[in-house]
Amino acid sequence: MANAGTMHDAFLDELRDSYDAERQLIKALPKMAKAATSAELRTAFETHLEETRGHVERLEQVFESLEEKVKGKHCDGIAGIIEEGKSIMEEDFDEAAMDACLIAAGQRAEHYEMAAYGTLVAWARAMGHTEAADLLQETLDEEKAADEKLTTIAEGGINQEAAENAHPSGEEDEEEERPARGGRGGSATAVAKRPARR
């Protein structure tokens, strides 16, 4: 019977997964930057693209520090997140709504990577791979900073603008009158529609 895999094997598996994820993101980020209408958001995606190239190089250093061959393993998780992002870009949203959706897609990718790098750092430290852990921690810190930057951009006006565009002026007034005219049925209609106006 073959020997069971060790934590080191699992660690290498995660490293290869992250290496592939970063390379997939290098292809996806320029498309997201192009789809963004906010100059600040476009710059954030472009900046993170440069950081992501650095993450690939850093992972190569991690493999070298472990005397392991640099190799990727297809990351299904990030592939799914990128696919969702691609679907969003095909939607016919107004500019602010599209930017808000792009931020959401970007943050899904960041949170996925933060979880992966958090695990890698913890495992590297547990196994005494100090150099690898320090390199991975640098990347984790950059992923967290990128996520915070996207939150700042969203809260800096994009979400508000998208929300204001969600109900053109005059539409709300009409709906307010319906309950008075339609009795109970009208009331239910107004309640049913309320969440869409958030």
Protein backbone atom coordinates (compact mmCIF):
# COMPACT_ATOMS: atom_id res chain seq x y z
CA MET A 1 0.00 0.00 0.00
CA ALA A 2 1.32 3.48 -0.94
CA ASN A 3 2.31 5.84 1.84
CA ALA A 4 -0.38 8.31 2.86
CA GLY A 5 0.21 11.95 1.90
CA THR A 6 1.59 14.31 4.53
CA MET A 7 0.89 17.92 5.44
CA HIS A 8 3.87 18.81 3.24
CA ASP A 9 2.12 17.17 0.27
CA ALA A 10 -1.09 19.07 1.07
CA PHE A 11 0.94 22.29 1.36
CA LEU A 12 2.51 21.76 -2.08
CA ASP A 13 -0.93 21.03 -3.50
CA GLU A 14 -2.26 24.34 -2.09
CA LEU A 15 0.80 26.19 -3.40
CA ARG A 16 0.24 24.82 -6.92
CA ASP A 17 -3.43 25.76 -6.70
CA SER A 18 -2.54 29.35 -5.70
CA TYR A 19 0.11 29.57 -8.41
CA ASP A 20 -2.48 28.66 -11.04
CA ALA A 21 -5.07 31.02 -9.47
CA GLU A 22 -2.69 33.98 -9.71
CA ARG A 23 -1.90 33.18 -13.35
CA GLN A 24 -5.63 33.00 -14.17
CA LEU A 25 -6.11 36.40 -12.50
CA ILE A 26 -3.32 37.94 -14.61
CA LYS A 27 -5.53 37.19 -17.62
CA ALA A 28 -8.79 38.31 -15.98
CA LEU A 29 -7.77 41.61 -14.35
CA PRO A 30 -7.12 43.56 -17.60
CA LYS A 31 -10.67 42.69 -18.74
CA MET A 32 -12.10 43.92 -15.44
CA ALA A 33 -10.06 47.13 -15.69
CA LYS A 34 -11.37 47.69 -19.23
CA ALA A 35 -14.98 47.15 -18.14
CA ALA A 36 -14.71 49.64 -15.24
CA THR A 37 -16.00 53.17 -15.90
CA SER A 38 -14.66 54.68 -12.66
CA ALA A 39 -11.07 55.84 -13.22
CA GLU A 40 -10.27 55.04 -9.58
CA LEU A 41 -11.59 51.48 -9.95
CA ARG A 42 -9.72 50.97 -13.23
CA THR A 43 -6.48 52.12 -11.55
CA ALA A 44 -7.11 49.77 -8.59
CA PHE A 45 -7.47 46.79 -10.96
CA GLU A 46 -4.36 47.83 -12.93
CA THR A 47 -2.34 48.26 -9.71
CA HIS A 48 -3.47 44.86 -8.47
CA LEU A 49 -2.50 43.32 -11.82
CA GLU A 50 1.08 44.46 -11.21
CA GLU A 51 0.91 43.09 -7.65
CA THR A 52 -0.46 39.79 -8.97
CA ARG A 53 2.55 39.44 -11.30
CA GLY A 54 4.65 39.92 -8.17
CA HIS A 55 2.63 37.22 -6.38
CA VAL A 56 3.51 34.75 -9.14
CA GLU A 57 7.21 35.58 -8.77
CA ARG A 58 6.96 35.29 -4.98
CA LEU A 59 5.33 31.86 -5.26
CA GLU A 60 8.20 30.80 -7.55
CA GLN A 61 10.59 31.88 -4.76
CA VAL A 62 8.56 29.78 -2.29
CA PHE A 63 8.92 26.69 -4.51
CA GLU A 64 12.68 27.38 -4.78
CA SER A 65 13.02 27.78 -0.98
CA LEU A 66 11.47 24.31 -0.62
CA GLU A 67 13.63 22.91 -3.46
CA GLU A 68 10.47 21.97 -5.32
CA LYS A 69 9.70 22.31 -9.02
CA VAL A 70 7.56 25.33 -9.93
CA LYS A 71 4.26 23.86 -11.07
CA GLY A 72 0.61 24.90 -11.15
CA LYS A 73 -2.50 22.79 -10.62
CA HIS A 74 -5.74 24.02 -12.17
CA CYS A 75 -7.62 26.07 -9.58
CA ASP A 76 -11.33 25.35 -10.08
CA GLY A 77 -12.33 27.81 -7.34
CA ILE A 78 -10.85 30.91 -8.95
CA ALA A 79 -11.95 29.67 -12.40
CA GLY A 80 -15.56 29.69 -11.16
CA ILE A 81 -15.21 33.17 -9.65
CA ILE A 82 -13.68 34.49 -12.90
CA GLU A 83 -16.50 32.85 -14.90
CA GLU A 84 -19.08 34.62 -12.71
CA GLY A 85 -17.24 37.90 -13.26
CA LYS A 86 -17.32 37.33 -17.02
CA SER A 87 -21.11 36.80 -16.88
CA ILE A 88 -21.50 40.10 -15.01
CA MET A 89 -19.53 41.95 -17.70
CA GLU A 90 -21.97 40.63 -20.32
CA GLU A 91 -24.96 42.17 -18.49
CA ASP A 92 -26.49 45.43 -19.68
CA PHE A 93 -26.13 47.39 -16.41
CA ASP A 94 -25.79 51.15 -16.08
CA GLU A 95 -22.22 52.37 -15.44
CA ALA A 96 -22.45 52.70 -11.65
CA ALA A 97 -24.18 49.32 -11.27
CA MET A 98 -21.52 47.69 -13.48
CA ASP A 99 -18.73 49.22 -11.36
CA ALA A 100 -20.46 48.04 -8.15
CA CYS A 101 -20.72 44.51 -9.63
CA LEU A 102 -17.07 44.55 -10.73
CA ILE A 103 -16.06 45.48 -7.17
CA ALA A 104 -18.16 42.57 -5.85
CA ALA A 105 -16.48 40.19 -8.34
CA GLY A 106 -13.03 41.51 -7.42
CA GLN A 107 -13.71 41.07 -3.73
CA ARG A 108 -14.91 37.49 -4.23
CA ALA A 109 -11.52 36.73 -5.78
CA GLU A 110 -9.67 38.57 -3.00
CA HIS A 111 -11.52 36.71 -0.25
CA TYR A 112 -10.83 33.38 -1.93
CA GLU A 113 -7.13 34.24 -2.11
CA MET A 114 -7.01 35.57 1.45
CA ALA A 115 -8.39 32.22 2.68
CA ALA A 116 -5.82 30.30 0.59
CA TYR A 117 -2.84 32.41 1.66
CA GLY A 118 -3.96 32.42 5.30
CA THR A 119 -3.86 28.62 5.23
CA LEU A 120 -0.49 28.53 3.43
CA VAL A 121 1.10 30.91 5.95
CA ALA A 122 -0.21 28.90 8.91
CA TRP A 123 0.95 25.58 7.44
CA ALA A 124 4.37 26.95 6.45
CA ARG A 125 4.90 28.29 10.00
CA ALA A 126 3.74 24.98 11.55
CA MET A 127 6.26 23.06 9.44
CA GLY A 128 9.09 25.51 10.14
CA HIS A 129 9.32 26.86 6.56
CA THR A 130 10.13 30.38 7.77
CA GLU A 131 11.28 31.83 4.45
CA ALA A 132 8.22 30.47 2.64
CA ALA A 133 5.92 31.74 5.42
CA ASP A 134 7.39 35.26 5.25
CA LEU A 135 7.01 35.41 1.45
CA LEU A 136 3.43 34.14 1.64
CA GLN A 137 2.61 36.62 4.42
CA GLU A 138 3.72 39.50 2.15
CA THR A 139 1.25 38.34 -0.49
CA LEU A 140 -1.52 37.86 2.08
CA ASP A 141 -0.99 41.45 3.28
CA GLU A 142 -1.24 42.74 -0.31
CA GLU A 143 -4.46 40.76 -0.92
CA LYS A 144 -5.98 42.27 2.24
CA ALA A 145 -4.92 45.78 1.18
CA ALA A 146 -6.44 45.27 -2.30
CA ASP A 147 -9.71 44.11 -0.70
CA GLU A 148 -9.77 47.17 1.59
CA LYS A 149 -9.08 49.45 -1.40
CA LEU A 150 -12.10 48.01 -3.24
CA THR A 151 -14.27 48.57 -0.15
CA THR A 152 -13.08 52.19 0.05
CA ILE A 153 -13.90 52.77 -3.65
CA ALA A 154 -17.36 51.19 -3.24
CA GLU A 155 -18.15 53.26 -0.15
CA GLY A 156 -16.65 56.38 -1.75
CA GLY A 157 -19.67 56.86 -3.98
CA ILE A 158 -20.09 53.98 -6.43
CA ASN A 159 -22.60 52.01 -4.31
CA GLN A 160 -24.55 55.19 -3.54
CA GLU A 161 -24.67 56.26 -7.18
CA ALA A 162 -25.76 52.78 -8.26
CA ALA A 163 -28.47 52.79 -5.57
CA GLU A 164 -29.76 56.21 -6.66
CA ASN A 165 -29.95 55.03 -10.27
CA ALA A 166 -31.98 52.02 -9.10
CA HIS A 167 -35.19 54.04 -8.90
CA PRO A 168 -35.62 56.87 -11.40
CA SER A 169 -37.38 59.95 -9.99
CA GLY A 170 -41.16 59.82 -10.01
CA GLU A 171 -41.36 56.01 -9.84
CA GLU A 172 -41.47 55.95 -6.03
CA ASP A 173 -44.32 58.46 -5.81
CA GLU A 174 -46.52 56.31 -8.02
CA GLU A 175 -45.94 53.23 -5.89
CA GLU A 176 -46.68 55.13 -2.67
CA GLU A 177 -50.19 55.90 -4.00
CA ARG A 178 -51.03 52.32 -4.94
CA PRO A 179 -51.88 51.04 -1.44
CA ALA A 180 -54.46 53.81 -0.97
CA ARG A 181 -56.15 52.93 -4.26
CA GLY A 182 -55.77 49.16 -4.17
CA GLY A 183 -56.52 48.38 -0.55
CA ARG A 184 -54.88 45.24 0.76
CA GLY A 185 -53.76 43.95 -2.64
CA GLY A 186 -51.99 47.23 -3.40
CA SER A 187 -50.28 47.06 -0.04
CA ALA A 188 -48.89 43.62 -0.79
CA THR A 189 -47.62 44.86 -4.16
CA ALA A 190 -45.81 47.74 -2.50
CA VAL A 191 -44.23 45.40 0.07
CA ALA A 192 -43.19 42.96 -2.63
CA LYS A 193 -41.49 45.72 -4.59
CA ARG A 194 -39.78 47.42 -1.65
CA PRO A 195 -36.59 45.26 -1.54
CA ALA A 196 -35.82 46.09 -5.18
CA ARG A 197 -35.63 49.78 -4.25
CA ARG A 198 -32.90 49.37 -1.64
